[in-house]
N, C-alpha and C. Protein backbone atom coordinates (compact mmCIF):
# COMPACT_ATOMS: atom_id res chain seq x y z
N SER A 1 73.57 -5.54 15.99
CA SER A 1 75.12 -4.98 16.65
C SER A 1 75.56 -5.91 18.09
N LYS A 2 76.62 -6.38 18.00
CA LYS A 2 77.04 -6.88 19.11
C LYS A 2 78.15 -6.36 19.79
N ALA A 3 77.90 -5.80 21.15
CA ALA A 3 79.13 -5.04 21.65
C ALA A 3 80.45 -5.71 21.83
N ALA A 4 81.52 -5.01 21.94
CA ALA A 4 82.85 -5.83 21.98
C ALA A 4 82.85 -6.23 23.47
N SER A 5 83.70 -7.43 23.68
CA SER A 5 83.82 -8.07 25.37
C SER A 5 85.16 -8.89 24.83
N SER A 6 85.92 -9.11 25.98
CA SER A 6 87.02 -10.32 26.10
C SER A 6 87.76 -10.30 25.04
N GLY A 7 88.16 -9.04 24.64
CA GLY A 7 88.93 -9.10 23.60
C GLY A 7 88.51 -9.11 22.08
N PHE A 8 87.12 -9.02 22.11
CA PHE A 8 86.70 -9.03 20.57
C PHE A 8 86.07 -7.63 20.41
N ASN A 9 86.16 -7.18 18.98
CA ASN A 9 85.46 -6.18 18.66
C ASN A 9 84.18 -5.95 18.16
N ALA A 10 83.52 -4.95 18.51
CA ALA A 10 82.17 -5.02 18.23
C ALA A 10 81.78 -5.59 16.87
N ALA A 11 80.65 -5.88 16.53
CA ALA A 11 80.06 -6.53 15.07
C ALA A 11 78.90 -6.02 14.93
N THR A 12 78.41 -5.78 13.71
CA THR A 12 77.14 -5.28 12.96
C THR A 12 77.18 -6.20 11.88
N SER A 13 76.19 -6.86 11.97
CA SER A 13 75.60 -7.87 10.65
C SER A 13 74.96 -7.18 9.44
N ALA A 14 75.10 -7.67 8.34
CA ALA A 14 74.58 -6.94 7.11
C ALA A 14 73.00 -6.90 7.46
N ALA A 15 72.64 -5.99 6.63
CA ALA A 15 70.98 -5.60 6.93
C ALA A 15 70.00 -6.87 6.46
N LYS A 16 68.92 -6.87 7.10
CA LYS A 16 68.10 -8.17 6.57
C LYS A 16 67.02 -7.64 6.52
N THR A 17 65.96 -7.74 5.22
CA THR A 17 64.83 -7.10 5.11
C THR A 17 63.63 -7.82 5.56
N PHE A 18 62.69 -7.45 6.19
CA PHE A 18 61.66 -8.42 6.58
C PHE A 18 60.42 -7.53 5.65
N VAL A 19 59.50 -8.24 5.12
CA VAL A 19 58.27 -7.87 4.76
C VAL A 19 57.12 -8.22 5.20
N TYR A 20 56.10 -7.35 5.49
CA TYR A 20 54.92 -7.65 6.17
C TYR A 20 53.65 -7.28 5.33
N ALA A 21 52.83 -8.48 4.57
CA ALA A 21 51.90 -8.32 3.72
C ALA A 21 50.43 -8.39 4.59
N LEU A 22 49.62 -7.71 3.85
CA LEU A 22 48.32 -7.63 4.60
C LEU A 22 47.73 -9.13 4.17
N ALA A 23 46.86 -9.74 4.86
CA ALA A 23 46.31 -11.04 4.32
C ALA A 23 44.99 -10.91 3.80
N ASP A 24 44.64 -11.75 2.98
CA ASP A 24 43.17 -11.89 2.23
C ASP A 24 42.26 -11.79 3.08
N GLN A 25 40.99 -11.32 2.86
CA GLN A 25 40.00 -11.58 3.48
C GLN A 25 39.46 -12.90 3.15
N ALA A 26 38.35 -13.51 3.98
CA ALA A 26 37.25 -14.83 3.70
C ALA A 26 36.53 -14.23 2.44
N PRO A 27 36.24 -15.07 1.84
CA PRO A 27 35.09 -14.71 0.40
C PRO A 27 34.11 -13.76 1.21
N LEU A 28 33.95 -12.89 0.33
CA LEU A 28 32.58 -12.01 0.71
C LEU A 28 31.41 -12.18 -0.26
N SER A 29 30.08 -12.33 0.26
CA SER A 29 28.98 -12.46 -0.69
C SER A 29 27.73 -11.68 -0.52
N VAL A 30 26.98 -11.41 -1.43
CA VAL A 30 26.09 -10.82 -1.36
C VAL A 30 24.89 -12.08 -1.18
N THR A 31 24.01 -11.88 0.06
CA THR A 31 23.53 -13.00 0.19
C THR A 31 21.86 -12.97 0.33
N ASN A 32 21.28 -12.08 -0.16
CA ASN A 32 19.73 -11.63 -0.37
C ASN A 32 19.02 -12.89 -0.91
N SER A 33 17.91 -13.32 -0.42
CA SER A 33 17.15 -14.53 -0.82
C SER A 33 16.48 -13.97 -1.98
N VAL A 34 16.00 -12.70 -1.70
CA VAL A 34 14.64 -12.09 -2.12
C VAL A 34 15.55 -11.29 -3.29
N LEU A 35 15.25 -11.58 -4.59
CA LEU A 35 16.11 -11.10 -5.80
C LEU A 35 15.20 -10.33 -6.40
N SER A 36 14.18 -9.95 -6.07
CA SER A 36 13.12 -9.33 -7.21
C SER A 36 12.30 -8.38 -6.45
N GLY A 37 11.77 -7.27 -6.64
CA GLY A 37 11.16 -6.25 -6.36
C GLY A 37 10.38 -5.22 -7.08
N PHE A 38 9.74 -4.36 -6.73
CA PHE A 38 8.80 -3.39 -7.33
C PHE A 38 9.35 -2.07 -7.15
N THR A 39 9.58 -1.28 -8.17
CA THR A 39 9.93 0.11 -8.33
C THR A 39 9.50 0.71 -7.00
N GLY A 40 9.99 1.71 -6.55
CA GLY A 40 9.66 2.50 -5.54
C GLY A 40 10.00 1.81 -4.09
N THR A 41 9.62 0.36 -4.07
CA THR A 41 10.02 -0.25 -2.96
C THR A 41 11.54 -0.89 -2.79
N PRO A 42 12.43 -0.32 -1.70
CA PRO A 42 13.72 -0.61 -1.63
C PRO A 42 13.93 -2.20 -1.14
N ILE A 43 14.92 -2.96 -1.62
CA ILE A 43 15.41 -4.20 -1.37
C ILE A 43 16.62 -3.97 -0.22
N SER A 44 16.40 -4.37 1.32
CA SER A 44 17.69 -4.37 1.98
C SER A 44 18.78 -5.28 1.66
N LEU A 45 19.97 -4.89 1.29
CA LEU A 45 20.95 -5.74 0.87
C LEU A 45 21.71 -6.51 2.25
N THR A 46 22.05 -7.82 1.95
CA THR A 46 22.61 -8.47 3.20
C THR A 46 24.04 -8.97 2.72
N THR A 47 25.17 -9.06 3.40
CA THR A 47 26.20 -9.71 2.90
C THR A 47 26.85 -10.76 4.29
N SER A 48 27.67 -11.72 3.71
CA SER A 48 28.18 -12.54 4.53
C SER A 48 29.75 -12.71 4.23
N GLY A 49 30.42 -13.26 5.04
CA GLY A 49 31.84 -13.39 4.89
C GLY A 49 32.90 -12.04 4.84
N GLY A 50 34.18 -12.14 4.48
CA GLY A 50 35.07 -11.14 4.82
C GLY A 50 35.78 -11.42 5.96
N SER A 51 36.67 -10.60 6.29
CA SER A 51 37.46 -10.68 7.67
C SER A 51 37.56 -9.00 8.28
N GLY A 52 37.82 -9.26 9.50
CA GLY A 52 38.08 -7.78 10.01
C GLY A 52 36.87 -7.28 10.32
N THR A 53 37.10 -5.63 10.43
CA THR A 53 36.03 -4.80 10.66
C THR A 53 35.81 -3.79 9.58
N GLY A 54 36.65 -3.93 8.54
CA GLY A 54 36.15 -2.97 7.62
C GLY A 54 34.57 -2.85 7.05
N GLU A 55 34.47 -1.47 6.82
CA GLU A 55 33.19 -1.07 6.65
C GLU A 55 32.68 -1.80 5.26
N VAL A 56 31.29 -2.29 5.02
CA VAL A 56 30.87 -2.90 3.79
C VAL A 56 29.92 -1.77 2.65
N THR A 57 30.34 -1.48 1.74
CA THR A 57 29.74 -0.74 0.83
C THR A 57 29.02 -1.62 -0.27
N PHE A 58 28.10 -0.93 -0.96
CA PHE A 58 27.78 -1.74 -2.09
C PHE A 58 27.72 -0.62 -3.28
N GLN A 59 27.87 -1.20 -4.41
CA GLN A 59 28.11 -0.84 -5.99
C GLN A 59 27.04 -1.26 -6.73
N VAL A 60 26.46 -0.46 -7.49
CA VAL A 60 25.37 -1.15 -8.54
C VAL A 60 25.71 -0.88 -9.92
N ASN A 61 25.44 -1.66 -10.70
CA ASN A 61 25.29 -1.35 -12.47
C ASN A 61 23.81 -1.90 -12.67
N GLY A 62 23.09 -0.66 -13.44
CA GLY A 62 22.16 -0.94 -14.18
C GLY A 62 21.13 0.32 -14.13
N ALA A 63 20.72 0.45 -15.36
CA ALA A 63 20.00 1.81 -15.69
C ALA A 63 18.57 2.27 -14.67
N GLY A 64 18.56 3.07 -14.00
CA GLY A 64 17.25 3.19 -13.05
C GLY A 64 17.87 2.81 -11.64
N CYS A 65 19.01 2.05 -11.51
CA CYS A 65 19.10 1.22 -10.03
C CYS A 65 19.97 2.22 -9.04
N ALA A 66 19.82 2.23 -7.93
CA ALA A 66 20.39 3.30 -6.66
C ALA A 66 20.48 2.27 -5.90
N VAL A 67 21.77 2.61 -4.91
CA VAL A 67 21.92 1.90 -3.72
C VAL A 67 22.30 3.48 -2.88
N SER A 68 21.52 3.10 -1.55
CA SER A 68 21.73 4.33 -0.53
C SER A 68 22.07 3.17 0.64
N GLY A 69 23.18 3.42 1.47
CA GLY A 69 23.53 2.75 2.29
C GLY A 69 23.42 1.22 2.02
N ASN A 70 22.42 0.57 2.64
CA ASN A 70 21.99 -0.69 2.16
C ASN A 70 21.17 -1.34 1.60
N THR A 71 20.71 -0.19 1.12
CA THR A 71 19.32 -0.53 0.20
C THR A 71 19.50 -0.22 -1.13
N LEU A 72 18.75 -1.08 -1.91
CA LEU A 72 18.77 -1.12 -3.47
C LEU A 72 17.35 -0.71 -3.77
N SER A 73 17.31 0.25 -4.65
CA SER A 73 15.84 0.72 -5.25
C SER A 73 16.10 1.05 -6.88
N ALA A 74 15.22 0.98 -7.53
CA ALA A 74 14.97 1.49 -8.97
C ALA A 74 13.77 2.27 -9.22
N THR A 75 13.99 2.82 -10.18
CA THR A 75 12.84 3.68 -10.73
C THR A 75 12.05 3.40 -11.95
N THR A 76 12.69 2.50 -12.37
CA THR A 76 11.72 1.73 -13.74
C THR A 76 12.05 0.29 -13.81
N ALA A 77 11.26 -0.37 -14.41
CA ALA A 77 11.47 -2.26 -14.50
C ALA A 77 12.76 -1.89 -15.12
N THR A 78 13.68 -2.62 -14.68
CA THR A 78 15.09 -3.13 -14.86
C THR A 78 15.71 -4.22 -14.13
N SER A 79 17.14 -4.65 -14.50
CA SER A 79 17.76 -5.61 -13.58
C SER A 79 19.10 -4.69 -13.06
N CYS A 80 19.26 -5.07 -12.10
CA CYS A 80 20.90 -4.32 -11.44
C CYS A 80 21.80 -5.50 -10.95
N ALA A 81 22.66 -5.38 -11.34
CA ALA A 81 24.09 -6.31 -10.62
C ALA A 81 24.73 -5.41 -9.43
N VAL A 82 24.76 -6.20 -8.18
CA VAL A 82 25.30 -5.73 -7.05
C VAL A 82 26.38 -6.27 -6.64
N THR A 83 27.57 -5.48 -5.99
CA THR A 83 28.78 -6.26 -5.80
C THR A 83 28.69 -5.36 -4.10
N ALA A 84 29.46 -6.12 -3.26
CA ALA A 84 29.84 -5.66 -2.05
C ALA A 84 31.27 -5.51 -2.04
N VAL A 85 31.80 -4.44 -1.28
CA VAL A 85 33.12 -4.26 -1.21
C VAL A 85 33.24 -3.99 0.35
N LYS A 86 34.02 -4.61 1.17
CA LYS A 86 34.29 -4.74 2.20
C LYS A 86 35.87 -3.88 2.31
N ALA A 87 36.05 -2.85 3.13
CA ALA A 87 37.06 -2.09 3.39
C ALA A 87 38.33 -2.96 3.97
N GLY A 88 39.72 -2.90 3.79
CA GLY A 88 40.86 -3.61 4.55
C GLY A 88 40.64 -2.94 5.99
N SER A 89 41.38 -3.77 7.12
CA SER A 89 41.36 -3.53 8.27
C SER A 89 42.12 -4.49 8.93
N GLU A 90 42.60 -3.98 10.13
CA GLU A 90 43.32 -4.81 11.24
C GLU A 90 44.20 -5.94 10.15
N GLY A 91 45.03 -5.39 9.20
CA GLY A 91 45.81 -6.28 8.50
C GLY A 91 45.31 -6.88 7.19
N PHE A 92 43.96 -6.62 6.87
CA PHE A 92 43.52 -7.21 5.70
C PHE A 92 43.30 -6.63 4.58
N ASN A 93 43.70 -7.11 3.19
CA ASN A 93 43.30 -6.36 2.22
C ASN A 93 41.74 -5.96 2.18
N PRO A 94 41.51 -5.07 1.15
CA PRO A 94 39.65 -5.00 0.91
C PRO A 94 39.46 -6.24 -0.13
N ILE A 95 38.29 -6.47 -0.12
CA ILE A 95 38.04 -7.58 -0.93
C ILE A 95 36.41 -7.15 -1.45
N THR A 96 36.12 -7.28 -2.95
CA THR A 96 34.73 -7.39 -3.65
C THR A 96 34.34 -8.88 -3.58
N SER A 97 33.00 -8.66 -3.66
CA SER A 97 32.11 -9.89 -3.66
C SER A 97 31.90 -10.09 -5.29
N SER A 98 31.29 -11.29 -5.64
CA SER A 98 31.02 -11.22 -7.03
C SER A 98 29.84 -10.45 -7.11
N ALA A 99 29.35 -10.33 -8.22
CA ALA A 99 27.82 -9.48 -8.68
C ALA A 99 26.88 -10.50 -8.41
N LYS A 100 25.52 -9.99 -7.82
CA LYS A 100 24.22 -10.45 -7.72
C LYS A 100 23.27 -9.91 -8.29
N SER A 101 22.42 -10.36 -8.89
CA SER A 101 21.51 -9.74 -9.97
C SER A 101 20.22 -9.98 -9.10
N PHE A 102 19.42 -8.51 -9.57
CA PHE A 102 18.13 -8.29 -8.88
C PHE A 102 17.42 -7.94 -10.06
N ALA A 103 15.92 -7.98 -10.11
CA ALA A 103 15.11 -7.54 -10.91
C ALA A 103 14.15 -6.63 -10.17
N PHE A 104 13.89 -5.79 -11.17
CA PHE A 104 12.49 -4.73 -10.54
C PHE A 104 11.50 -4.76 -11.77
N LYS A 105 10.14 -4.67 -11.31
CA LYS A 105 9.04 -4.49 -12.01
C LYS A 105 8.05 -3.31 -11.51
N VAL A 106 7.43 -2.99 -12.20
CA VAL A 106 6.33 -1.96 -11.92
C VAL A 106 4.95 -2.48 -11.42
N PRO A 107 4.77 -2.23 -10.21
CA PRO A 107 3.49 -2.82 -9.57
C PRO A 107 2.35 -2.60 -10.37
N LEU A 108 1.62 -3.58 -10.07
CA LEU A 108 0.07 -3.53 -10.81
C LEU A 108 -0.65 -2.28 -10.16
N SER A 109 -1.14 -1.56 -10.98
CA SER A 109 -1.88 -0.25 -10.66
C SER A 109 -3.67 -1.04 -10.64
N ALA A 110 -4.01 -0.33 -9.58
CA ALA A 110 -5.42 -0.57 -9.26
C ALA A 110 -6.45 -0.48 -10.62
N PRO A 111 -7.17 -1.49 -10.72
CA PRO A 111 -8.14 -1.32 -12.20
C PRO A 111 -9.02 0.00 -11.84
N VAL A 112 -9.12 0.55 -13.11
CA VAL A 112 -10.00 1.85 -13.40
C VAL A 112 -11.57 1.39 -13.87
N ILE A 113 -12.41 1.79 -12.77
CA ILE A 113 -13.87 1.62 -13.36
C ILE A 113 -14.02 2.95 -14.36
N SER A 114 -14.24 3.08 -15.57
CA SER A 114 -14.56 4.23 -16.22
C SER A 114 -16.04 4.71 -16.25
N SER A 115 -16.94 3.85 -16.00
CA SER A 115 -18.15 4.45 -15.93
C SER A 115 -19.19 3.28 -15.74
N THR A 116 -20.24 3.92 -14.68
CA THR A 116 -21.38 2.69 -14.47
C THR A 116 -22.72 3.64 -14.30
N PHE A 117 -23.54 2.74 -14.85
CA PHE A 117 -24.96 3.16 -15.30
C PHE A 117 -26.05 2.27 -14.90
N ALA A 118 -26.78 2.85 -13.82
CA ALA A 118 -27.88 2.12 -13.26
C ALA A 118 -29.43 2.26 -13.87
N LYS A 119 -29.65 1.29 -14.49
CA LYS A 119 -31.08 1.17 -15.00
C LYS A 119 -32.06 0.66 -13.54
N LYS A 120 -33.27 0.60 -14.02
CA LYS A 120 -34.46 0.03 -13.05
C LYS A 120 -33.86 -1.05 -12.44
N ASP A 121 -33.57 -2.35 -13.04
CA ASP A 121 -33.27 -3.14 -12.34
C ASP A 121 -31.77 -3.90 -12.87
N SER A 122 -30.65 -3.12 -13.34
CA SER A 122 -29.53 -3.62 -14.07
C SER A 122 -28.47 -2.32 -13.84
N ILE A 123 -27.44 -2.78 -13.87
CA ILE A 123 -26.31 -1.76 -13.84
C ILE A 123 -25.16 -2.06 -14.94
N GLN A 124 -25.04 -1.01 -15.64
CA GLN A 124 -23.75 -1.45 -16.77
C GLN A 124 -22.74 -0.90 -16.20
N VAL A 125 -21.58 -1.63 -16.25
CA VAL A 125 -20.22 -1.33 -15.75
C VAL A 125 -18.96 -1.50 -16.86
N ASP A 126 -18.27 -0.42 -16.97
CA ASP A 126 -17.35 -0.44 -17.92
C ASP A 126 -15.87 0.16 -17.22
N TYR A 127 -15.01 -0.81 -17.61
CA TYR A 127 -13.70 -0.54 -17.02
C TYR A 127 -12.48 -0.49 -17.89
N VAL A 128 -11.18 -0.08 -17.68
CA VAL A 128 -10.22 -0.12 -18.61
C VAL A 128 -9.49 -1.28 -18.43
N VAL A 129 -9.14 -1.76 -19.74
CA VAL A 129 -8.70 -3.22 -19.48
C VAL A 129 -7.06 -2.93 -20.27
N VAL A 130 -6.17 -3.56 -19.44
CA VAL A 130 -4.60 -3.58 -19.68
C VAL A 130 -4.37 -4.77 -20.02
N PRO A 131 -3.74 -4.98 -21.11
CA PRO A 131 -3.46 -6.18 -21.78
C PRO A 131 -2.35 -7.01 -20.60
N GLY A 132 -2.41 -8.53 -20.31
CA GLY A 132 -1.80 -9.27 -19.66
C GLY A 132 -2.19 -9.37 -18.31
N VAL A 133 -3.37 -8.15 -18.10
CA VAL A 133 -3.95 -8.26 -16.61
C VAL A 133 -5.43 -9.18 -16.99
N GLY A 134 -5.67 -10.13 -15.79
CA GLY A 134 -7.19 -10.55 -15.86
C GLY A 134 -7.95 -9.79 -14.85
N TYR A 135 -9.13 -9.81 -15.08
CA TYR A 135 -10.14 -9.04 -14.15
C TYR A 135 -11.18 -10.20 -13.73
N LYS A 136 -11.56 -9.85 -12.57
CA LYS A 136 -12.85 -10.47 -12.03
C LYS A 136 -13.72 -9.24 -11.36
N LEU A 137 -14.89 -9.61 -11.74
CA LEU A 137 -16.12 -8.54 -11.17
C LEU A 137 -16.80 -9.03 -10.42
N ASP A 138 -17.25 -8.59 -8.82
CA ASP A 138 -17.85 -9.18 -8.29
C ASP A 138 -19.03 -8.18 -7.87
N LEU A 139 -20.58 -8.79 -7.33
CA LEU A 139 -21.47 -7.76 -6.70
C LEU A 139 -21.72 -8.27 -5.27
N LEU A 140 -21.68 -6.95 -4.69
CA LEU A 140 -21.83 -6.80 -3.14
C LEU A 140 -23.05 -6.18 -2.75
N ASP A 141 -23.29 -6.49 -1.89
CA ASP A 141 -24.54 -5.36 -1.00
C ASP A 141 -23.69 -4.36 -0.52
N SER A 142 -24.81 -3.14 -0.23
CA SER A 142 -24.35 -2.06 0.41
C SER A 142 -23.36 -1.96 1.38
N ALA A 143 -23.41 -3.12 2.37
CA ALA A 143 -22.45 -3.34 3.35
C ALA A 143 -21.11 -4.05 2.78
N GLY A 144 -21.20 -4.40 1.99
CA GLY A 144 -19.98 -5.17 1.37
C GLY A 144 -20.05 -6.62 1.43
N THR A 145 -21.08 -6.87 1.97
CA THR A 145 -21.14 -8.47 1.68
C THR A 145 -21.42 -9.24 0.44
N PHE A 146 -20.57 -10.27 -0.28
CA PHE A 146 -20.35 -10.51 -1.58
C PHE A 146 -21.82 -11.24 -1.71
N ILE A 147 -22.25 -11.08 -2.95
CA ILE A 147 -23.58 -11.40 -3.67
C ILE A 147 -22.88 -12.66 -4.53
N LYS A 148 -22.54 -12.45 -5.41
CA LYS A 148 -22.13 -12.96 -6.63
C LYS A 148 -20.97 -12.39 -7.54
N THR A 149 -20.27 -13.48 -8.04
CA THR A 149 -19.22 -13.09 -9.12
C THR A 149 -20.19 -12.90 -10.26
N VAL A 150 -19.68 -11.86 -10.82
CA VAL A 150 -20.36 -11.21 -12.42
C VAL A 150 -19.70 -12.16 -13.24
N CYS A 151 -18.34 -12.11 -13.37
CA CYS A 151 -17.50 -12.49 -14.34
C CYS A 151 -16.24 -12.86 -13.91
N ASN A 152 -15.39 -13.75 -14.29
CA ASN A 152 -14.21 -14.15 -14.10
C ASN A 152 -13.41 -13.95 -15.55
N GLY A 153 -12.47 -13.43 -15.59
CA GLY A 153 -11.65 -13.24 -16.96
C GLY A 153 -12.56 -12.58 -17.95
N CYS A 154 -13.19 -11.19 -17.45
CA CYS A 154 -14.26 -10.85 -18.24
C CYS A 154 -13.60 -9.43 -18.99
N ALA A 155 -14.18 -9.03 -19.79
CA ALA A 155 -13.84 -7.97 -20.86
C ALA A 155 -14.09 -6.80 -20.02
N GLY A 156 -14.29 -5.82 -20.88
CA GLY A 156 -14.18 -4.53 -20.20
C GLY A 156 -15.43 -3.73 -20.01
N SER A 157 -16.48 -4.35 -20.42
CA SER A 157 -17.81 -3.84 -20.22
C SER A 157 -18.73 -5.27 -19.96
N ASN A 158 -19.65 -4.77 -18.84
CA ASN A 158 -20.55 -6.16 -18.30
C ASN A 158 -21.79 -5.47 -17.76
N LEU A 159 -23.08 -6.12 -18.30
CA LEU A 159 -24.49 -5.77 -17.81
C LEU A 159 -24.71 -6.96 -16.45
N ILE A 160 -25.13 -6.08 -15.45
CA ILE A 160 -25.57 -7.00 -14.29
C ILE A 160 -27.14 -6.75 -14.55
N SER A 161 -27.98 -7.85 -14.29
CA SER A 161 -29.40 -7.64 -14.43
C SER A 161 -29.96 -8.52 -13.54
N THR A 162 -31.24 -8.43 -13.41
CA THR A 162 -32.03 -9.03 -12.46
C THR A 162 -31.81 -8.65 -11.02
N LEU A 163 -31.49 -7.06 -10.86
CA LEU A 163 -31.34 -6.83 -9.42
C LEU A 163 -32.69 -6.11 -8.65
N THR A 164 -32.40 -5.75 -7.40
CA THR A 164 -33.54 -5.17 -6.75
C THR A 164 -33.67 -4.04 -7.18
N PRO A 165 -34.94 -3.04 -7.63
CA PRO A 165 -34.56 -1.75 -8.11
C PRO A 165 -34.55 -1.07 -6.78
N SER A 166 -33.95 0.48 -7.05
CA SER A 166 -33.75 1.26 -6.02
C SER A 166 -32.97 0.51 -4.79
N THR A 167 -32.24 -0.03 -5.11
CA THR A 167 -31.09 -0.70 -4.10
C THR A 167 -29.66 -0.07 -4.49
N THR A 168 -28.96 0.38 -3.16
CA THR A 168 -27.63 0.53 -3.40
C THR A 168 -26.58 -0.94 -3.61
N TYR A 169 -25.78 -1.07 -4.47
CA TYR A 169 -24.81 -2.09 -4.74
C TYR A 169 -23.71 -1.63 -4.96
N LYS A 170 -22.80 -2.49 -4.24
CA LYS A 170 -21.02 -2.15 -4.41
C LYS A 170 -20.55 -3.15 -5.41
N LEU A 171 -19.73 -2.65 -6.33
CA LEU A 171 -18.92 -3.42 -7.30
C LEU A 171 -17.50 -3.56 -6.95
N ARG A 172 -17.10 -4.59 -6.80
CA ARG A 172 -15.66 -4.75 -6.94
C ARG A 172 -14.67 -5.53 -7.87
N LEU A 173 -13.83 -4.63 -8.26
CA LEU A 173 -13.29 -5.41 -9.87
C LEU A 173 -11.91 -5.31 -9.27
N THR A 174 -11.68 -6.47 -9.51
CA THR A 174 -10.06 -7.37 -8.85
C THR A 174 -9.45 -7.20 -10.27
N ALA A 175 -8.00 -6.81 -10.21
CA ALA A 175 -7.02 -7.17 -11.41
C ALA A 175 -5.84 -8.17 -10.64
N THR A 176 -5.75 -9.24 -11.73
CA THR A 176 -4.70 -10.07 -11.34
C THR A 176 -3.46 -10.26 -12.08
N ARG A 177 -2.34 -10.07 -12.25
CA ARG A 177 -1.23 -10.23 -12.92
C ARG A 177 0.05 -10.97 -12.16
N ASP A 178 0.34 -12.25 -12.66
CA ASP A 178 1.01 -13.20 -12.06
C ASP A 178 0.60 -13.25 -10.33
N SER A 179 1.71 -12.74 -9.39
CA SER A 179 1.21 -13.13 -8.11
C SER A 179 0.56 -11.96 -7.65
N GLU A 180 0.07 -10.95 -8.15
CA GLU A 180 -0.22 -9.40 -7.79
C GLU A 180 -1.75 -9.37 -7.85
N THR A 181 -2.18 -8.96 -7.09
CA THR A 181 -3.83 -8.81 -7.03
C THR A 181 -4.17 -7.52 -6.57
N VAL A 182 -4.78 -6.62 -7.35
CA VAL A 182 -5.30 -5.33 -6.72
C VAL A 182 -6.66 -5.09 -7.07
N ALA A 183 -7.49 -4.24 -5.99
CA ALA A 183 -9.03 -4.51 -6.28
C ALA A 183 -9.70 -3.08 -6.13
N THR A 184 -10.75 -2.45 -6.70
CA THR A 184 -11.28 -1.22 -6.66
C THR A 184 -12.64 -1.62 -6.43
N GLU A 185 -13.03 -0.63 -5.23
CA GLU A 185 -14.77 -0.99 -5.18
C GLU A 185 -15.61 0.41 -5.27
N THR A 186 -16.74 0.39 -6.01
CA THR A 186 -17.34 1.55 -6.26
C THR A 186 -18.98 1.10 -5.90
N SER A 187 -19.94 2.20 -5.33
CA SER A 187 -21.21 2.05 -4.86
C SER A 187 -21.87 2.48 -5.93
N VAL A 188 -22.74 1.91 -6.44
CA VAL A 188 -24.04 1.98 -7.37
C VAL A 188 -25.58 2.38 -6.80
C-alpha cells in the first residue's frame, strides 16, 4: 500500500503469494564398518551426513532384531536391515538413509568334557563333538605348563598313555569354528 500524496490517491497492489519450502538434507547413511556380530552382544550404530540438528533414530527389519537408542542386537542367528532417520529441523525436511545389512550368529560354546577316567599311567578323555567345530586336546602339567598336543582335529574320545603314575595333569580342550576359539580345562 502506498499513501496518497501530492494530488495522488492511495494505492494498494494486488496480493502476491510467497512460498517458503523446507530444504532437503544432505544424504544420510549408516556408516558401520562392522556388519556382523554375535547374539547377545550389541553393535553400536553410526551415521554420517544429513543437515541441521534433527535427532537421528534407527529402524530395523528382521526377525529377532531390536534397536535401543543407537545399538542393534539380536536374540537369534539372523540378518537385520537398519535404516537411519534424521528428523527435520532449521528449515530442513526429514531424511531416511538406505538400508544397511547386519548379520548375527550364535557364539561358539565352550567345549564339554563329558568324562575322564585315570588309570595307572593313562587317562581316557571323552567329550561332546559338535558338527562344524574342530577340536584340539592338549596335555598340561598341574601348574598349567604345556606338555604336548594329544590330537588336533580329534574325535570325541582319546586315550593318553605313558604318563607318570600318581601325577595330576590338566587337559585343555579347544574348540574352533571360523575365527572363534573357546577352551575348557579340567584336572585329572
